[in-house]
PDB file of all heavy atoms in Angstrom:
ATOM      1  N   THR A   1      67.572  85.872 -10.061  1.00  0.00           N
ATOM      2  CA  THR A   1      66.275  85.510  -9.258  1.00  0.00           C
ATOM      3  C   THR A   1      66.340  83.958  -8.973  1.00  0.00           C
ATOM      4  O   THR A   1      66.001  83.471  -7.846  1.00  0.00           O
ATOM      5  CB  THR A   1      65.045  85.865 -10.010  1.00  0.00           C
ATOM      6  OG1 THR A   1      65.251  87.345 -10.214  1.00  0.00           O
ATOM      7  CG2 THR A   1      63.815  85.661  -9.198  1.00  0.00           C
ATOM      8  N   LEU A   2      66.751  83.192 -10.081  1.00  0.00           N
ATOM      9  CA  LEU A   2      66.804  81.688  -9.926  1.00  0.00           C
ATOM     10  C   LEU A   2      67.750  81.281  -8.850  1.00  0.00           C
ATOM     11  O   LEU A   2      67.431  80.555  -7.887  1.00  0.00           O
ATOM     12  CB  LEU A   2      67.170  81.101 -11.200  1.00  0.00           C
ATOM     13  CG  LEU A   2      67.483  79.525 -11.162  1.00  0.00           C
ATOM     14  CD1 LEU A   2      66.492  78.928 -12.152  1.00  0.00           C
ATOM     15  CD2 LEU A   2      68.865  79.212 -11.533  1.00  0.00           C
ATOM     16  N   CYS A   3      68.926  81.985  -8.784  1.00  0.00           N
ATOM     17  CA  CYS A   3      70.024  81.656  -7.850  1.00  0.00           C
ATOM     18  C   CYS A   3      69.496  82.023  -6.440  1.00  0.00           C
ATOM     19  O   CYS A   3      69.637  81.152  -5.564  1.00  0.00           O
ATOM     20  CB  CYS A   3      71.183  82.440  -8.195  1.00  0.00           C
ATOM     21  SG  CYS A   3      72.716  82.184  -7.149  1.00  0.00           S
ATOM     22  N   ARG A   4      68.858  83.146  -6.325  1.00  0.00           N
ATOM     23  CA  ARG A   4      68.442  83.618  -4.971  1.00  0.00           C
ATOM     24  C   ARG A   4      67.193  82.849  -4.451  1.00  0.00           C
ATOM     25  O   ARG A   4      66.941  82.806  -3.229  1.00  0.00           O
ATOM     26  CB  ARG A   4      68.157  85.025  -4.983  1.00  0.00           C
ATOM     27  CG  ARG A   4      69.364  85.997  -5.225  1.00  0.00           C
ATOM     28  CD  ARG A   4      69.082  87.347  -5.511  1.00  0.00           C
ATOM     29  NE  ARG A   4      68.489  88.039  -4.516  1.00  0.00           N
ATOM     30  CZ  ARG A   4      69.149  88.716  -3.548  1.00  0.00           C
ATOM     31  NH1 ARG A   4      70.448  88.807  -3.624  1.00  0.00           N
ATOM     32  NH2 ARG A   4      68.427  89.342  -2.629  1.00  0.00           N
ATOM     33  N   ALA A   5      66.441  82.252  -5.417  1.00  0.00           N
ATOM     34  CA  ALA A   5      65.243  81.451  -4.973  1.00  0.00           C
ATOM     35  C   ALA A   5      65.764  80.151  -4.328  1.00  0.00           C
ATOM     36  O   ALA A   5      65.008  79.603  -3.461  1.00  0.00           O
ATOM     37  CB  ALA A   5      64.385  81.185  -6.235  1.00  0.00           C
ATOM     38  N   ILE A   6      66.866  79.748  -4.645  1.00  0.00           N
ATOM     39  CA  ILE A   6      67.245  78.272  -4.166  1.00  0.00           C
ATOM     40  C   ILE A   6      67.466  78.384  -2.628  1.00  0.00           C
ATOM     41  O   ILE A   6      67.248  77.328  -1.956  1.00  0.00           O
ATOM     42  CB  ILE A   6      68.527  77.906  -4.872  1.00  0.00           C
ATOM     43  CG1 ILE A   6      68.174  77.571  -6.458  1.00  0.00           C
ATOM     44  CG2 ILE A   6      69.172  76.673  -4.223  1.00  0.00           C
ATOM     45  CD1 ILE A   6      69.381  77.391  -7.302  1.00  0.00           C
ATOM     46  N   ASN A   7      67.859  79.413  -1.986  1.00  0.00           N
ATOM     47  CA  ASN A   7      67.858  79.543  -0.556  1.00  0.00           C
ATOM     48  C   ASN A   7      66.901  80.427   0.017  1.00  0.00           C
ATOM     49  O   ASN A   7      67.001  80.908   1.138  1.00  0.00           O
ATOM     50  CB  ASN A   7      69.275  79.702  -0.012  1.00  0.00           C
ATOM     51  CG  ASN A   7      69.707  81.087  -0.408  1.00  0.00           C
ATOM     52  OD1 ASN A   7      69.202  81.848  -1.053  1.00  0.00           O
ATOM     53  ND2 ASN A   7      70.926  81.433   0.192  1.00  0.00           N
ATOM     54  N   ARG A   8      65.831  80.663  -0.763  1.00  0.00           N
ATOM     55  CA  ARG A   8      64.633  81.579  -0.256  1.00  0.00           C
ATOM     56  C   ARG A   8      64.945  82.982   0.030  1.00  0.00           C
ATOM     57  O   ARG A   8      64.243  83.565   0.663  1.00  0.00           O
ATOM     58  CB  ARG A   8      64.073  80.951   0.962  1.00  0.00           C
ATOM     59  CG  ARG A   8      63.008  79.835   0.729  1.00  0.00           C
ATOM     60  CD  ARG A   8      61.692  80.436   0.818  1.00  0.00           C
ATOM     61  NE  ARG A   8      60.587  79.351   0.947  1.00  0.00           N
ATOM     62  CZ  ARG A   8      60.026  78.714  -0.053  1.00  0.00           C
ATOM     63  NH1 ARG A   8      60.301  78.900  -1.311  1.00  0.00           N
ATOM     64  NH2 ARG A   8      59.121  77.708   0.204  1.00  0.00           N
ATOM     65  N   LEU A   9      66.045  83.483  -0.610  1.00  0.00           N
ATOM     66  CA  LEU A   9      66.206  85.023  -0.497  1.00  0.00           C
ATOM     67  C   LEU A   9      65.157  85.617  -1.362  1.00  0.00           C
ATOM     68  O   LEU A   9      64.851  86.777  -1.132  1.00  0.00           O
ATOM     69  CB  LEU A   9      67.687  85.271  -1.002  1.00  0.00           C
ATOM     70  CG  LEU A   9      68.746  85.068  -0.030  1.00  0.00           C
ATOM     71  CD1 LEU A   9      70.165  85.288  -0.757  1.00  0.00           C
ATOM     72  CD2 LEU A   9      68.608  85.825   1.215  1.00  0.00           C
ATOM     73  N   GLU A  10      64.700  84.977  -2.354  1.00  0.00           N
ATOM     74  CA  GLU A  10      63.533  85.284  -3.127  1.00  0.00           C
ATOM     75  C   GLU A  10      62.433  84.292  -2.860  1.00  0.00           C
ATOM     76  O   GLU A  10      62.645  83.087  -3.287  1.00  0.00           O
ATOM     77  CB  GLU A  10      63.918  85.445  -4.626  1.00  0.00           C
ATOM     78  CG  GLU A  10      64.733  86.593  -4.983  1.00  0.00           C
ATOM     79  CD  GLU A  10      64.077  87.998  -4.978  1.00  0.00           C
ATOM     80  OE1 GLU A  10      62.853  88.026  -4.576  1.00  0.00           O
ATOM     81  OE2 GLU A  10      64.842  88.884  -5.157  1.00  0.00           O
ATOM     82  N   PRO A  11      61.258  84.729  -2.354  1.00  0.00           N
ATOM     83  CA  PRO A  11      60.154  83.768  -2.311  1.00  0.00           C
ATOM     84  C   PRO A  11      59.636  83.433  -3.630  1.00  0.00           C
ATOM     85  O   PRO A  11      59.630  84.298  -4.485  1.00  0.00           O
ATOM     86  CB  PRO A  11      59.159  84.414  -1.368  1.00  0.00           C
ATOM     87  CG  PRO A  11      59.508  85.872  -1.396  1.00  0.00           C
ATOM     88  CD  PRO A  11      61.038  85.995  -1.755  1.00  0.00           C
ATOM     89  N   ILE A  12      59.139  82.294  -3.863  1.00  0.00           N
ATOM     90  CA  ILE A  12      58.674  81.943  -5.239  1.00  0.00           C
ATOM     91  C   ILE A  12      57.115  81.936  -5.103  1.00  0.00           C
ATOM     92  O   ILE A  12      56.504  81.856  -4.023  1.00  0.00           O
ATOM     93  CB  ILE A  12      59.114  80.464  -5.491  1.00  0.00           C
ATOM     94  CG1 ILE A  12      58.723  79.382  -4.658  1.00  0.00           C
ATOM     95  CG2 ILE A  12      60.603  80.597  -5.875  1.00  0.00           C
ATOM     96  CD1 ILE A  12      59.062  77.935  -5.166  1.00  0.00           C
ATOM     97  N   GLY A  13      56.410  82.005  -6.291  1.00  0.00           N
ATOM     98  CA  GLY A  13      54.982  81.971  -6.370  1.00  0.00           C
ATOM     99  C   GLY A  13      54.403  80.597  -6.136  1.00  0.00           C
ATOM    100  O   GLY A  13      53.513  80.355  -5.343  1.00  0.00           O
ATOM    101  N   SER A  14      55.012  79.676  -6.952  1.00  0.00           N
ATOM    102  CA  SER A  14      54.496  78.303  -6.977  1.00  0.00           C
ATOM    103  C   SER A  14      55.685  77.441  -7.346  1.00  0.00           C
ATOM    104  O   SER A  14      56.676  77.829  -7.929  1.00  0.00           O
ATOM    105  CB  SER A  14      53.333  78.043  -7.816  1.00  0.00           C
ATOM    106  OG  SER A  14      53.658  78.356  -9.167  1.00  0.00           O
ATOM    107  N   GLY A  15      55.442  76.146  -7.162  1.00  0.00           N
ATOM    108  CA  GLY A  15      56.444  75.076  -7.519  1.00  0.00           C
ATOM    109  C   GLY A  15      57.169  74.530  -6.305  1.00  0.00           C
ATOM    110  O   GLY A  15      56.854  74.893  -5.202  1.00  0.00           O
ATOM    111  N   LEU A  16      58.144  73.741  -6.560  1.00  0.00           N
ATOM    112  CA  LEU A  16      58.857  73.114  -5.425  1.00  0.00           C
ATOM    113  C   LEU A  16      60.357  73.270  -5.620  1.00  0.00           C
ATOM    114  O   LEU A  16      60.894  73.146  -6.707  1.00  0.00           O
ATOM    115  CB  LEU A  16      58.578  71.548  -5.467  1.00  0.00           C
ATOM    116  CG  LEU A  16      59.402  70.658  -4.605  1.00  0.00           C
ATOM    117  CD1 LEU A  16      58.908  70.634  -3.156  1.00  0.00           C
ATOM    118  CD2 LEU A  16      59.364  69.236  -5.127  1.00  0.00           C
ATOM    119  N   ILE A  17      61.053  73.584  -4.468  1.00  0.00           N
ATOM    120  CA  ILE A  17      62.513  73.576  -4.494  1.00  0.00           C
ATOM    121  C   ILE A  17      62.968  72.696  -3.404  1.00  0.00           C
ATOM    122  O   ILE A  17      62.552  72.768  -2.287  1.00  0.00           O
ATOM    123  CB  ILE A  17      62.976  75.036  -4.245  1.00  0.00           C
ATOM    124  CG1 ILE A  17      62.610  75.978  -5.352  1.00  0.00           C
ATOM    125  CG2 ILE A  17      64.619  75.034  -4.231  1.00  0.00           C
ATOM    126  CD1 ILE A  17      62.983  77.426  -5.252  1.00  0.00           C
ATOM    127  N   GLU A  18      63.975  71.803  -3.730  1.00  0.00           N
ATOM    128  CA  GLU A  18      64.512  70.868  -2.687  1.00  0.00           C
ATOM    129  C   GLU A  18      66.009  71.115  -2.722  1.00  0.00           C
ATOM    130  O   GLU A  18      66.656  71.365  -3.840  1.00  0.00           O
ATOM    131  CB  GLU A  18      64.255  69.374  -2.976  1.00  0.00           C
ATOM    132  CG  GLU A  18      62.743  69.127  -2.838  1.00  0.00           C
ATOM    133  CD  GLU A  18      62.574  67.549  -3.255  1.00  0.00           C
ATOM    134  OE1 GLU A  18      63.403  66.999  -3.788  1.00  0.00           O
ATOM    135  OE2 GLU A  18      61.405  67.073  -2.829  1.00  0.00           O
ATOM    136  N   VAL A  19      66.645  70.949  -1.539  1.00  0.00           N
ATOM    137  CA  VAL A  19      68.102  70.982  -1.359  1.00  0.00           C
ATOM    138  C   VAL A  19      68.406  69.635  -0.688  1.00  0.00           C
ATOM    139  O   VAL A  19      67.931  69.526   0.418  1.00  0.00           O
ATOM    140  CB  VAL A  19      68.697  72.166  -0.634  1.00  0.00           C
ATOM    141  CG1 VAL A  19      70.109  72.075  -0.337  1.00  0.00           C
ATOM    142  CG2 VAL A  19      68.318  73.588  -1.343  1.00  0.00           C
ATOM    143  N   ASP A  20      69.212  68.886  -1.322  1.00  0.00           N
ATOM    144  CA  ASP A  20      69.710  67.603  -0.780  1.00  0.00           C
ATOM    145  C   ASP A  20      68.460  66.717  -0.337  1.00  0.00           C
ATOM    146  O   ASP A  20      68.450  66.161   0.707  1.00  0.00           O
ATOM    147  CB  ASP A  20      70.588  67.852   0.387  1.00  0.00           C
ATOM    148  CG  ASP A  20      71.416  66.654   0.699  1.00  0.00           C
ATOM    149  OD1 ASP A  20      71.458  65.684  -0.059  1.00  0.00           O
ATOM    150  OD2 ASP A  20      72.057  66.507   1.842  1.00  0.00           O
ATOM    151  N   GLY A  21      67.422  66.816  -1.195  1.00  0.00           N
ATOM    152  CA  GLY A  21      66.272  65.953  -0.979  1.00  0.00           C
ATOM    153  C   GLY A  21      65.262  66.527  -0.077  1.00  0.00           C
ATOM    154  O   GLY A  21      64.187  65.883   0.207  1.00  0.00           O
ATOM    155  N   LYS A  22      65.561  67.739   0.627  1.00  0.00           N
ATOM    156  CA  LYS A  22      64.487  68.203   1.470  1.00  0.00           C
ATOM    157  C   LYS A  22      63.858  69.493   0.866  1.00  0.00           C
ATOM    158  O   LYS A  22      64.513  70.376   0.536  1.00  0.00           O
ATOM    159  CB  LYS A  22      65.177  68.626   2.821  1.00  0.00           C
ATOM    160  CG  LYS A  22      65.893  67.493   3.629  1.00  0.00           C
ATOM    161  CD  LYS A  22      66.499  67.987   4.854  1.00  0.00           C
ATOM    162  CE  LYS A  22      67.271  66.780   5.495  1.00  0.00           C
ATOM    163  NZ  LYS A  22      68.599  66.574   4.833  1.00  0.00           N
ATOM    164  N   PRO A  23      62.527  69.557   0.915  1.00  0.00           N
ATOM    165  CA  PRO A  23      61.868  70.771   0.442  1.00  0.00           C
ATOM    166  C   PRO A  23      62.331  72.035   1.278  1.00  0.00           C
ATOM    167  O   PRO A  23      62.572  71.894   2.571  1.00  0.00           O
ATOM    168  CB  PRO A  23      60.349  70.413   0.676  1.00  0.00           C
ATOM    169  CG  PRO A  23      60.342  68.987   0.982  1.00  0.00           C
ATOM    170  CD  PRO A  23      61.593  68.564   1.439  1.00  0.00           C
ATOM    171  N   LEU A  24      62.312  73.159   0.660  1.00  0.00           N
ATOM    172  CA  LEU A  24      62.731  74.284   1.311  1.00  0.00           C
ATOM    173  C   LEU A  24      61.709  74.800   2.282  1.00  0.00           C
ATOM    174  O   LEU A  24      60.548  75.078   1.852  1.00  0.00           O
ATOM    175  CB  LEU A  24      62.889  75.497   0.215  1.00  0.00           C
ATOM    176  CG  LEU A  24      64.199  75.764  -0.397  1.00  0.00           C
ATOM    177  CD1 LEU A  24      64.153  77.036  -1.036  1.00  0.00           C
ATOM    178  CD2 LEU A  24      65.298  75.892   0.720  1.00  0.00           C
ATOM    179  N   PRO A  25      61.971  74.961   3.587  1.00  0.00           N
ATOM    180  CA  PRO A  25      61.084  75.408   4.424  1.00  0.00           C
ATOM    181  C   PRO A  25      60.754  76.979   4.170  1.00  0.00           C
ATOM    182  O   PRO A  25      61.680  77.679   3.592  1.00  0.00           O
ATOM    183  CB  PRO A  25      61.711  75.326   5.834  1.00  0.00           C
ATOM    184  CG  PRO A  25      62.915  74.647   5.630  1.00  0.00           C
ATOM    185  CD  PRO A  25      63.239  74.684   4.200  1.00  0.00           C
ATOM    186  N   ALA A  26      59.579  77.450   4.447  1.00  0.00           N
ATOM    187  CA  ALA A  26      59.200  78.876   4.110  1.00  0.00           C
ATOM    188  C   ALA A  26      59.955  79.878   5.038  1.00  0.00           C
ATOM    189  O   ALA A  26      60.335  80.924   4.588  1.00  0.00           O
ATOM    190  CB  ALA A  26      57.760  78.996   4.255  1.00  0.00           C
ATOM    191  N   GLU A  27      60.133  79.466   6.354  1.00  0.00           N
ATOM    192  CA  GLU A  27      60.659  80.469   7.178  1.00  0.00           C
ATOM    193  C   GLU A  27      61.118  79.717   8.468  1.00  0.00           C
ATOM    194  O   GLU A  27      61.084  78.456   8.590  1.00  0.00           O
ATOM    195  CB  GLU A  27      59.664  81.620   7.551  1.00  0.00           C
ATOM    196  CG  GLU A  27      58.479  80.957   8.096  1.00  0.00           C
ATOM    197  CD  GLU A  27      57.264  82.045   7.984  1.00  0.00           C
ATOM    198  OE1 GLU A  27      57.340  82.928   7.191  1.00  0.00           O
ATOM    199  OE2 GLU A  27      56.324  81.899   8.780  1.00  0.00           O
ATOM    200  N   GLY A  28      61.609  80.470   9.463  1.00  0.00           N
ATOM    201  CA  GLY A  28      61.956  79.887  10.710  1.00  0.00           C
ATOM    202  C   GLY A  28      63.280  79.164  10.860  1.00  0.00           C
ATOM    203  O   GLY A  28      64.115  79.297  10.092  1.00  0.00           O
ATOM    204  N   ARG A  29      63.384  78.439  11.860  1.00  0.00           N
ATOM    205  CA  ARG A  29      64.671  77.858  12.312  1.00  0.00           C
ATOM    206  C   ARG A  29      65.058  76.719  11.207  1.00  0.00           C
ATOM    207  O   ARG A  29      66.212  76.627  10.866  1.00  0.00           O
ATOM    208  CB  ARG A  29      64.467  77.047  13.629  1.00  0.00           C
ATOM    209  CG  ARG A  29      65.729  76.750  14.278  1.00  0.00           C
ATOM    210  CD  ARG A  29      65.563  76.175  15.657  1.00  0.00           C
ATOM    211  NE  ARG A  29      65.192  77.349  16.563  1.00  0.00           N
ATOM    212  CZ  ARG A  29      64.884  77.079  17.748  1.00  0.00           C
ATOM    213  NH1 ARG A  29      64.776  75.840  18.297  1.00  0.00           N
ATOM    214  NH2 ARG A  29      64.435  78.101  18.570  1.00  0.00           N
ATOM    215  N   LEU A  30      64.051  76.034  10.728  1.00  0.00           N
ATOM    216  CA  LEU A  30      64.396  75.084   9.621  1.00  0.00           C
ATOM    217  C   LEU A  30      65.077  75.672   8.447  1.00  0.00           C
ATOM    218  O   LEU A  30      65.987  75.232   7.805  1.00  0.00           O
ATOM    219  CB  LEU A  30      63.162  74.250   9.252  1.00  0.00           C
ATOM    220  CG  LEU A  30      62.642  73.248  10.255  1.00  0.00           C
ATOM    221  CD1 LEU A  30      61.421  72.589   9.834  1.00  0.00           C
ATOM    222  CD2 LEU A  30      63.789  72.081  10.505  1.00  0.00           C
ATOM    223  N   LEU A  31      64.475  76.871   8.017  1.00  0.00           N
ATOM    224  CA  LEU A  31      65.092  77.488   6.945  1.00  0.00           C
ATOM    225  C   LEU A  31      66.507  78.124   7.179  1.00  0.00           C
ATOM    226  O   LEU A  31      67.349  77.946   6.388  1.00  0.00           O
ATOM    227  CB  LEU A  31      64.184  78.772   6.549  1.00  0.00           C
ATOM    228  CG  LEU A  31      64.668  79.657   5.315  1.00  0.00           C
ATOM    229  CD1 LEU A  31      64.787  78.776   4.071  1.00  0.00           C
ATOM    230  CD2 LEU A  31      63.794  80.816   5.097  1.00  0.00           C
ATOM    231  N   ALA A  32      66.721  78.552   8.467  1.00  0.00           N
ATOM    232  CA  ALA A  32      68.068  78.901   8.930  1.00  0.00           C
ATOM    233  C   ALA A  32      68.980  77.703   8.727  1.00  0.00           C
ATOM    234  O   ALA A  32      70.256  77.956   8.308  1.00  0.00           O
ATOM    235  CB  ALA A  32      68.086  79.554  10.222  1.00  0.00           C
ATOM    236  N   ARG A  33      68.639  76.609   9.108  1.00  0.00           N
ATOM    237  CA  ARG A  33      69.487  75.435   9.019  1.00  0.00           C
ATOM    238  C   ARG A  33      69.715  74.980   7.731  1.00  0.00           C
ATOM    239  O   ARG A  33      70.962  74.730   7.334  1.00  0.00           O
ATOM    240  CB  ARG A  33      68.692  74.269   9.799  1.00  0.00           C
ATOM    241  CG  ARG A  33      69.603  73.065  10.152  1.00  0.00           C
ATOM    242  CD  ARG A  33      68.934  72.051  11.012  1.00  0.00           C
ATOM    243  NE  ARG A  33      68.380  72.683  12.169  1.00  0.00           N
ATOM    244  CZ  ARG A  33      67.333  72.019  12.902  1.00  0.00           C
ATOM    245  NH1 ARG A  33      66.763  70.927  12.518  1.00  0.00           N
ATOM    246  NH2 ARG A  33      66.910  72.542  14.030  1.00  0.00           N
TER     247      ARG A  33
END
């Protein structure tokens, strides 16, 4: 679950996840990028 949360395959309840300094977008084109 931890692994899959990092690229939003599992949505999280609360907290912050960043990849390379950018917060994970919830959905849409930015998430795909």
